Amino acid sequence: MRPFALQYASLGKPTDTVAPYRFDAARQLNVLPDGRPAISDTELLLTAGTTTSTAGSQTHFDD
């Protein structure tokens, strides 16, 4: 029997986009090219939906 959620799940199409921000290890957050925190760019958040990076799981035990 297939789980209920998998009846509606589908693979997304791969994208070749590059996030317009990078993780700053010293500040422990994602930053824009001009150094501002990525969370401060409302348009970016509306487009991307998040500024999550994999660094959190590598540096914090409570993620």
N, C-alpha and C. Protein backbone atom coordinates (compact mmCIF):
# COMPACT_ATOMS: atom_id res chain seq x y z
N MET A 1 0.84 -1.18 0.00
CA MET A 1 0.00 0.00 0.00
C MET A 1 0.89 1.25 0.00
N ARG A 2 0.57 2.20 -0.82
CA ARG A 2 1.34 3.43 -0.94
C ARG A 2 0.85 4.46 0.08
N PRO A 3 1.77 5.12 0.81
CA PRO A 3 1.36 6.15 1.77
C PRO A 3 0.54 7.25 1.10
N PHE A 4 -0.45 7.77 1.82
CA PHE A 4 -1.38 8.76 1.29
C PHE A 4 -0.66 9.96 0.66
N ALA A 5 0.34 10.51 1.36
CA ALA A 5 1.03 11.71 0.86
C ALA A 5 1.72 11.46 -0.47
N LEU A 6 2.21 10.25 -0.70
CA LEU A 6 2.90 9.96 -1.95
C LEU A 6 1.97 9.87 -3.14
N GLN A 7 0.69 9.77 -2.91
CA GLN A 7 -0.27 9.76 -4.01
C GLN A 7 -0.29 11.12 -4.72
N TYR A 8 0.08 12.14 -4.00
CA TYR A 8 0.02 13.50 -4.56
C TYR A 8 1.39 14.13 -4.76
N ALA A 9 2.44 13.47 -4.32
CA ALA A 9 3.79 14.01 -4.45
C ALA A 9 4.31 13.78 -5.87
N SER A 10 5.08 14.70 -6.33
CA SER A 10 5.73 14.55 -7.63
C SER A 10 7.11 15.18 -7.56
N LEU A 11 8.01 14.69 -8.36
CA LEU A 11 9.35 15.25 -8.40
C LEU A 11 9.31 16.60 -9.08
N GLY A 12 9.99 17.56 -8.48
CA GLY A 12 10.09 18.86 -9.10
C GLY A 12 11.09 18.84 -10.24
N LYS A 13 10.94 19.77 -11.13
CA LYS A 13 11.90 19.88 -12.23
C LYS A 13 13.18 20.51 -11.69
N PRO A 14 14.32 19.92 -12.01
CA PRO A 14 15.58 20.51 -11.54
C PRO A 14 15.79 21.91 -12.13
N THR A 15 16.35 22.78 -11.32
CA THR A 15 16.63 24.13 -11.81
C THR A 15 18.13 24.40 -11.77
N ASP A 16 18.56 25.29 -12.61
CA ASP A 16 19.96 25.67 -12.67
C ASP A 16 20.18 27.03 -12.02
N THR A 17 19.27 27.45 -11.18
CA THR A 17 19.40 28.76 -10.56
C THR A 17 20.41 28.72 -9.42
N VAL A 18 21.01 29.86 -9.18
CA VAL A 18 21.97 30.01 -8.10
C VAL A 18 21.39 31.00 -7.11
N ALA A 19 21.43 30.66 -5.84
CA ALA A 19 20.90 31.56 -4.82
C ALA A 19 21.69 32.86 -4.82
N PRO A 20 21.00 33.99 -4.72
CA PRO A 20 21.69 35.29 -4.73
C PRO A 20 22.24 35.67 -3.36
N TYR A 21 22.52 34.69 -2.55
CA TYR A 21 23.10 34.94 -1.24
C TYR A 21 24.08 33.82 -0.92
N ARG A 22 24.89 34.02 0.12
CA ARG A 22 25.85 33.01 0.53
C ARG A 22 25.85 32.94 2.05
N PHE A 23 26.32 31.82 2.58
CA PHE A 23 26.39 31.67 4.03
C PHE A 23 27.67 32.30 4.55
N ASP A 24 27.54 33.17 5.53
CA ASP A 24 28.69 33.81 6.18
C ASP A 24 28.92 33.08 7.51
N ALA A 25 29.95 32.26 7.56
CA ALA A 25 30.22 31.44 8.75
C ALA A 25 30.51 32.29 9.98
N ALA A 26 31.17 33.41 9.80
CA ALA A 26 31.51 34.26 10.94
C ALA A 26 30.25 34.86 11.58
N ARG A 27 29.29 35.22 10.76
CA ARG A 27 28.05 35.82 11.26
C ARG A 27 26.95 34.79 11.47
N GLN A 28 27.16 33.57 10.96
CA GLN A 28 26.19 32.48 11.08
C GLN A 28 24.84 32.83 10.46
N LEU A 29 24.87 33.45 9.27
CA LEU A 29 23.64 33.74 8.55
C LEU A 29 23.93 33.91 7.06
N ASN A 30 22.87 33.88 6.29
CA ASN A 30 22.99 34.08 4.85
C ASN A 30 23.04 35.57 4.56
N VAL A 31 23.96 35.98 3.69
CA VAL A 31 24.12 37.39 3.36
C VAL A 31 24.05 37.61 1.85
N LEU A 32 23.61 38.80 1.49
CA LEU A 32 23.56 39.21 0.09
C LEU A 32 24.96 39.65 -0.34
N PRO A 33 25.18 39.81 -1.64
CA PRO A 33 26.50 40.23 -2.12
C PRO A 33 26.99 41.55 -1.50
N ASP A 34 26.06 42.44 -1.10
CA ASP A 34 26.48 43.71 -0.49
C ASP A 34 26.69 43.60 1.02
N GLY A 35 26.54 42.39 1.59
CA GLY A 35 26.81 42.17 3.00
C GLY A 35 25.60 42.23 3.91
N ARG A 36 24.46 42.70 3.39
CA ARG A 36 23.26 42.74 4.22
C ARG A 36 22.74 41.32 4.46
N PRO A 37 22.07 41.08 5.60
CA PRO A 37 21.46 39.77 5.83
C PRO A 37 20.41 39.48 4.74
N ALA A 38 20.40 38.27 4.23
CA ALA A 38 19.46 37.91 3.16
C ALA A 38 18.01 38.07 3.59
N ILE A 39 17.74 37.92 4.87
CA ILE A 39 16.38 38.04 5.38
C ILE A 39 15.84 39.46 5.20
N SER A 40 16.71 40.44 4.99
CA SER A 40 16.27 41.83 4.86
C SER A 40 15.75 42.15 3.46
N ASP A 41 15.92 41.24 2.51
CA ASP A 41 15.47 41.47 1.13
C ASP A 41 14.10 40.84 0.93
N THR A 42 13.05 41.65 1.07
CA THR A 42 11.67 41.16 0.96
C THR A 42 11.40 40.53 -0.38
N GLU A 43 11.89 41.13 -1.45
CA GLU A 43 11.66 40.58 -2.79
C GLU A 43 12.28 39.19 -2.94
N LEU A 44 13.47 39.01 -2.39
CA LEU A 44 14.12 37.71 -2.42
C LEU A 44 13.28 36.68 -1.67
N LEU A 45 12.79 37.05 -0.49
CA LEU A 45 11.97 36.12 0.30
C LEU A 45 10.69 35.74 -0.44
N LEU A 46 10.07 36.71 -1.11
CA LEU A 46 8.85 36.41 -1.86
C LEU A 46 9.13 35.49 -3.03
N THR A 47 10.30 35.64 -3.64
CA THR A 47 10.66 34.82 -4.79
C THR A 47 11.12 33.43 -4.36
N ALA A 48 12.02 33.37 -3.41
CA ALA A 48 12.62 32.10 -3.00
C ALA A 48 11.80 31.37 -1.95
N GLY A 49 11.05 32.09 -1.15
CA GLY A 49 10.27 31.47 -0.10
C GLY A 49 11.06 31.20 1.17
N THR A 50 12.38 31.22 1.09
CA THR A 50 13.22 30.95 2.24
C THR A 50 14.66 31.32 1.93
N THR A 51 15.46 31.44 2.96
CA THR A 51 16.89 31.63 2.76
C THR A 51 17.64 30.57 3.55
N THR A 52 17.10 29.37 3.55
CA THR A 52 17.69 28.28 4.32
C THR A 52 18.99 27.81 3.70
N SER A 53 19.96 27.51 4.55
CA SER A 53 21.21 26.92 4.09
C SER A 53 21.43 25.61 4.83
N THR A 54 22.36 24.81 4.37
CA THR A 54 22.67 23.55 5.05
C THR A 54 23.61 23.78 6.22
N ALA A 55 24.12 24.97 6.37
CA ALA A 55 25.10 25.23 7.42
C ALA A 55 24.52 25.03 8.81
N GLY A 56 23.25 25.34 9.00
CA GLY A 56 22.64 25.20 10.31
C GLY A 56 22.77 23.80 10.86
N SER A 57 22.52 22.82 10.04
CA SER A 57 22.60 21.45 10.53
C SER A 57 24.04 21.02 10.81
N GLN A 58 24.98 21.75 10.26
CA GLN A 58 26.38 21.41 10.48
C GLN A 58 26.95 22.13 11.70
N THR A 59 26.31 23.22 12.13
CA THR A 59 26.89 24.00 13.21
C THR A 59 26.05 24.00 14.48
N HIS A 60 24.79 23.61 14.39
CA HIS A 60 23.91 23.64 15.56
C HIS A 60 23.36 22.25 15.84
N PHE A 61 23.32 21.89 17.09
CA PHE A 61 22.83 20.58 17.47
C PHE A 61 21.31 20.55 17.61
N ASP A 62 20.66 21.71 17.70
CA ASP A 62 19.22 21.75 17.92
C ASP A 62 18.40 21.96 16.66
N ASP A 63 19.01 21.87 15.48
CA ASP A 63 18.26 22.03 14.23
C ASP A 63 17.46 20.79 13.93
